[in-house]
Amino acid sequence: MRMTIRFEGGSRIEAVLLAAGRERMRVAVDSERDTIELQKVYGVWRTENGEALEIEAMIPMAGMDVSGFCAAVCPVALAAGREFSCC
């Protein structure tokens, strides 16, 4: 699943979701050598360095079924011009 992440300062990056649970995600970012782990702490997603961020959008890749994806991980997002709720 492709995603857009927005940091507190307003900068945005695009990433690919590799693995996710209710409180942790592993993502790959083109500009980074290693994958990045995101962790939900007291309801806020944070980087390994503690920087707060927002999952701005999650876009399923072609052929991917997201109907069972956890609502705690996937907020209401825009996908191909229409809203979807992951669960």
N, C-alpha and C. Protein backbone atom coordinates (compact mmCIF):
# COMPACT_ATOMS: atom_id res chain seq x y z
N MET A 1 0.84 -1.14 0.00
CA MET A 1 0.00 0.00 0.00
C MET A 1 0.90 1.23 0.00
N ARG A 2 0.59 2.17 -0.87
CA ARG A 2 1.32 3.43 -0.89
C ARG A 2 0.70 4.36 0.15
N MET A 3 1.51 5.24 0.69
CA MET A 3 0.99 6.17 1.69
C MET A 3 1.73 7.50 1.64
N THR A 4 1.04 8.52 2.12
CA THR A 4 1.64 9.84 2.27
C THR A 4 1.70 10.14 3.76
N ILE A 5 2.87 10.55 4.22
CA ILE A 5 3.09 10.87 5.63
C ILE A 5 3.40 12.36 5.73
N ARG A 6 2.73 13.03 6.66
CA ARG A 6 2.98 14.46 6.88
C ARG A 6 3.56 14.65 8.28
N PHE A 7 4.69 15.34 8.35
CA PHE A 7 5.36 15.60 9.62
C PHE A 7 4.85 16.91 10.23
N GLU A 8 5.12 17.11 11.51
CA GLU A 8 4.67 18.30 12.23
C GLU A 8 5.06 19.60 11.53
N GLY A 9 6.23 19.64 10.96
CA GLY A 9 6.71 20.85 10.28
C GLY A 9 6.04 21.11 8.95
N GLY A 10 5.21 20.16 8.49
CA GLY A 10 4.50 20.34 7.23
C GLY A 10 5.11 19.60 6.06
N SER A 11 6.31 19.04 6.21
CA SER A 11 6.90 18.30 5.10
C SER A 11 6.18 16.97 4.90
N ARG A 12 6.16 16.51 3.65
CA ARG A 12 5.48 15.27 3.30
C ARG A 12 6.45 14.33 2.59
N ILE A 13 6.24 13.05 2.83
CA ILE A 13 6.99 12.03 2.09
C ILE A 13 6.02 10.95 1.63
N GLU A 14 6.40 10.29 0.56
CA GLU A 14 5.65 9.13 0.10
C GLU A 14 6.40 7.89 0.55
N ALA A 15 5.64 6.87 0.94
CA ALA A 15 6.23 5.64 1.45
C ALA A 15 5.41 4.45 0.97
N VAL A 16 5.98 3.28 1.14
CA VAL A 16 5.27 2.03 0.86
C VAL A 16 5.17 1.27 2.18
N LEU A 17 3.95 0.90 2.54
CA LEU A 17 3.71 0.14 3.76
C LEU A 17 4.14 -1.30 3.56
N LEU A 18 5.03 -1.77 4.41
CA LEU A 18 5.53 -3.15 4.31
C LEU A 18 4.84 -4.08 5.30
N ALA A 19 4.59 -3.58 6.50
CA ALA A 19 3.95 -4.38 7.54
C ALA A 19 3.26 -3.43 8.51
N ALA A 20 2.14 -3.89 9.09
CA ALA A 20 1.42 -3.02 10.02
C ALA A 20 0.69 -3.82 11.07
N GLY A 21 0.60 -3.22 12.23
CA GLY A 21 -0.19 -3.73 13.34
C GLY A 21 -0.91 -2.54 13.95
N ARG A 22 -1.58 -2.77 15.07
CA ARG A 22 -2.33 -1.68 15.70
C ARG A 22 -1.44 -0.54 16.18
N GLU A 23 -0.21 -0.85 16.59
CA GLU A 23 0.64 0.18 17.18
C GLU A 23 2.00 0.32 16.52
N ARG A 24 2.25 -0.43 15.45
CA ARG A 24 3.54 -0.33 14.75
C ARG A 24 3.34 -0.51 13.26
N MET A 25 4.17 0.19 12.50
CA MET A 25 4.21 0.05 11.04
C MET A 25 5.67 0.07 10.59
N ARG A 26 5.95 -0.66 9.56
CA ARG A 26 7.26 -0.63 8.92
C ARG A 26 7.02 -0.12 7.51
N VAL A 27 7.74 0.96 7.13
CA VAL A 27 7.56 1.56 5.81
C VAL A 27 8.90 1.70 5.11
N ALA A 28 8.84 1.75 3.79
CA ALA A 28 10.02 1.99 2.97
C ALA A 28 9.84 3.35 2.30
N VAL A 29 10.90 4.15 2.36
CA VAL A 29 10.91 5.47 1.74
C VAL A 29 12.05 5.48 0.73
N ASP A 30 11.78 5.97 -0.47
CA ASP A 30 12.77 5.95 -1.54
C ASP A 30 14.07 6.65 -1.16
N SER A 31 13.99 7.73 -0.42
CA SER A 31 15.19 8.51 -0.09
C SER A 31 15.98 7.93 1.09
N GLU A 32 15.47 6.88 1.72
CA GLU A 32 16.13 6.28 2.88
C GLU A 32 16.74 4.93 2.52
N ARG A 33 17.88 4.65 3.07
CA ARG A 33 18.55 3.37 2.84
C ARG A 33 17.88 2.20 3.55
N ASP A 34 17.43 2.46 4.77
CA ASP A 34 16.78 1.43 5.58
C ASP A 34 15.29 1.71 5.69
N THR A 35 14.55 0.70 6.11
CA THR A 35 13.13 0.91 6.36
C THR A 35 12.97 1.73 7.64
N ILE A 36 11.78 2.28 7.81
CA ILE A 36 11.49 3.12 8.97
C ILE A 36 10.37 2.47 9.77
N GLU A 37 10.56 2.42 11.08
CA GLU A 37 9.50 1.90 11.95
C GLU A 37 8.73 3.08 12.53
N LEU A 38 7.41 3.02 12.43
CA LEU A 38 6.53 4.02 13.04
C LEU A 38 5.82 3.35 14.19
N GLN A 39 5.65 4.08 15.28
CA GLN A 39 4.99 3.53 16.46
C GLN A 39 3.92 4.49 16.94
N LYS A 40 2.78 3.94 17.32
CA LYS A 40 1.69 4.74 17.87
C LYS A 40 1.88 4.84 19.37
N VAL A 41 2.07 6.07 19.88
CA VAL A 41 2.29 6.32 21.30
C VAL A 41 1.20 7.28 21.77
N TYR A 42 0.36 6.81 22.69
CA TYR A 42 -0.75 7.61 23.20
C TYR A 42 -1.59 8.21 22.07
N GLY A 43 -1.86 7.40 21.06
CA GLY A 43 -2.74 7.82 19.97
C GLY A 43 -2.08 8.64 18.88
N VAL A 44 -0.76 8.86 18.95
CA VAL A 44 -0.04 9.65 17.96
C VAL A 44 1.03 8.79 17.31
N TRP A 45 1.06 8.77 15.97
CA TRP A 45 2.11 8.04 15.26
C TRP A 45 3.40 8.83 15.37
N ARG A 46 4.52 8.13 15.63
CA ARG A 46 5.83 8.75 15.79
C ARG A 46 6.89 7.93 15.06
N THR A 47 7.96 8.62 14.66
CA THR A 47 9.11 7.94 14.07
C THR A 47 9.94 7.32 15.18
N GLU A 48 10.97 6.60 14.81
CA GLU A 48 11.88 6.01 15.79
C GLU A 48 12.55 7.08 16.64
N ASN A 49 12.67 8.29 16.11
CA ASN A 49 13.30 9.41 16.83
C ASN A 49 12.29 10.19 17.67
N GLY A 50 11.02 9.78 17.66
CA GLY A 50 10.01 10.44 18.46
C GLY A 50 9.27 11.57 17.77
N GLU A 51 9.58 11.82 16.49
CA GLU A 51 8.91 12.89 15.76
C GLU A 51 7.47 12.50 15.43
N ALA A 52 6.52 13.36 15.80
CA ALA A 52 5.11 13.09 15.54
C ALA A 52 4.81 13.26 14.05
N LEU A 53 3.88 12.45 13.56
CA LEU A 53 3.49 12.53 12.16
C LEU A 53 2.03 12.14 12.01
N GLU A 54 1.51 12.40 10.83
CA GLU A 54 0.13 12.04 10.50
C GLU A 54 0.13 11.20 9.24
N ILE A 55 -0.63 10.12 9.27
CA ILE A 55 -0.81 9.33 8.06
C ILE A 55 -1.86 10.08 7.25
N GLU A 56 -1.40 10.76 6.22
CA GLU A 56 -2.28 11.65 5.47
C GLU A 56 -3.15 10.89 4.46
N ALA A 57 -2.59 9.89 3.81
CA ALA A 57 -3.34 9.12 2.82
C ALA A 57 -2.75 7.73 2.70
N MET A 58 -3.63 6.77 2.42
CA MET A 58 -3.20 5.40 2.12
C MET A 58 -3.90 4.99 0.84
N ILE A 59 -3.13 4.58 -0.13
CA ILE A 59 -3.65 4.24 -1.45
C ILE A 59 -3.31 2.80 -1.77
N PRO A 60 -4.33 1.95 -1.90
CA PRO A 60 -4.05 0.54 -2.22
C PRO A 60 -3.40 0.40 -3.59
N MET A 61 -2.50 -0.53 -3.71
CA MET A 61 -1.89 -0.85 -5.00
C MET A 61 -2.84 -1.76 -5.77
N ALA A 62 -2.72 -1.76 -7.06
CA ALA A 62 -3.61 -2.56 -7.91
C ALA A 62 -3.65 -4.01 -7.45
N GLY A 63 -4.85 -4.57 -7.35
CA GLY A 63 -5.03 -5.96 -6.98
C GLY A 63 -4.97 -6.23 -5.50
N MET A 64 -4.86 -5.21 -4.68
CA MET A 64 -4.73 -5.38 -3.24
C MET A 64 -6.10 -5.24 -2.57
N ASP A 65 -6.46 -6.18 -1.72
CA ASP A 65 -7.72 -6.14 -0.98
C ASP A 65 -7.46 -5.53 0.38
N VAL A 66 -8.05 -4.34 0.63
CA VAL A 66 -7.84 -3.66 1.91
C VAL A 66 -9.08 -3.71 2.79
N SER A 67 -10.06 -4.52 2.43
CA SER A 67 -11.32 -4.54 3.17
C SER A 67 -11.15 -4.96 4.63
N GLY A 68 -10.12 -5.72 4.95
CA GLY A 68 -9.93 -6.16 6.32
C GLY A 68 -8.85 -5.40 7.07
N PHE A 69 -8.34 -4.35 6.48
CA PHE A 69 -7.23 -3.61 7.09
C PHE A 69 -7.69 -2.91 8.36
N CYS A 70 -6.91 -2.92 9.37
CA CYS A 70 -7.26 -2.43 10.70
C CYS A 70 -7.58 -0.93 10.72
N ALA A 71 -8.75 -0.55 11.24
CA ALA A 71 -9.16 0.85 11.32
C ALA A 71 -8.23 1.66 12.21
N ALA A 72 -7.58 1.03 13.17
CA ALA A 72 -6.66 1.75 14.05
C ALA A 72 -5.41 2.20 13.31
N VAL A 73 -5.06 1.48 12.24
CA VAL A 73 -3.87 1.82 11.46
C VAL A 73 -4.25 2.75 10.33
N CYS A 74 -5.35 2.46 9.66
CA CYS A 74 -5.73 3.17 8.44
C CYS A 74 -6.86 4.14 8.71
N PRO A 75 -6.60 5.44 8.70
CA PRO A 75 -7.68 6.41 8.89
C PRO A 75 -8.50 6.52 7.62
N VAL A 76 -9.60 7.24 7.68
CA VAL A 76 -10.35 7.51 6.45
C VAL A 76 -9.40 8.26 5.54
N ALA A 77 -9.27 7.82 4.31
CA ALA A 77 -8.29 8.40 3.39
C ALA A 77 -8.89 8.52 1.99
N LEU A 78 -8.19 9.22 1.15
CA LEU A 78 -8.62 9.34 -0.24
C LEU A 78 -7.89 8.31 -1.08
N ALA A 79 -8.62 7.63 -1.91
CA ALA A 79 -8.03 6.66 -2.82
C ALA A 79 -8.72 6.79 -4.16
N ALA A 80 -7.97 7.15 -5.16
CA ALA A 80 -8.49 7.29 -6.52
C ALA A 80 -9.72 8.19 -6.56
N GLY A 81 -9.68 9.27 -5.79
CA GLY A 81 -10.75 10.24 -5.84
C GLY A 81 -11.99 9.90 -5.04
N ARG A 82 -11.98 8.81 -4.29
CA ARG A 82 -13.16 8.47 -3.48
C ARG A 82 -12.70 8.14 -2.06
N GLU A 83 -13.56 8.44 -1.09
CA GLU A 83 -13.22 8.12 0.29
C GLU A 83 -13.43 6.64 0.55
N PHE A 84 -12.60 6.08 1.39
CA PHE A 84 -12.84 4.71 1.83
C PHE A 84 -12.42 4.61 3.29
N SER A 85 -13.10 3.76 3.98
CA SER A 85 -12.71 3.44 5.34
C SER A 85 -12.17 2.03 5.28
N CYS A 86 -11.01 1.82 5.82
CA CYS A 86 -10.36 0.53 5.65
C CYS A 86 -11.11 -0.63 6.27
N CYS A 87 -11.92 -0.41 7.26
CA CYS A 87 -12.67 -1.51 7.88
C CYS A 87 -14.12 -1.14 8.02
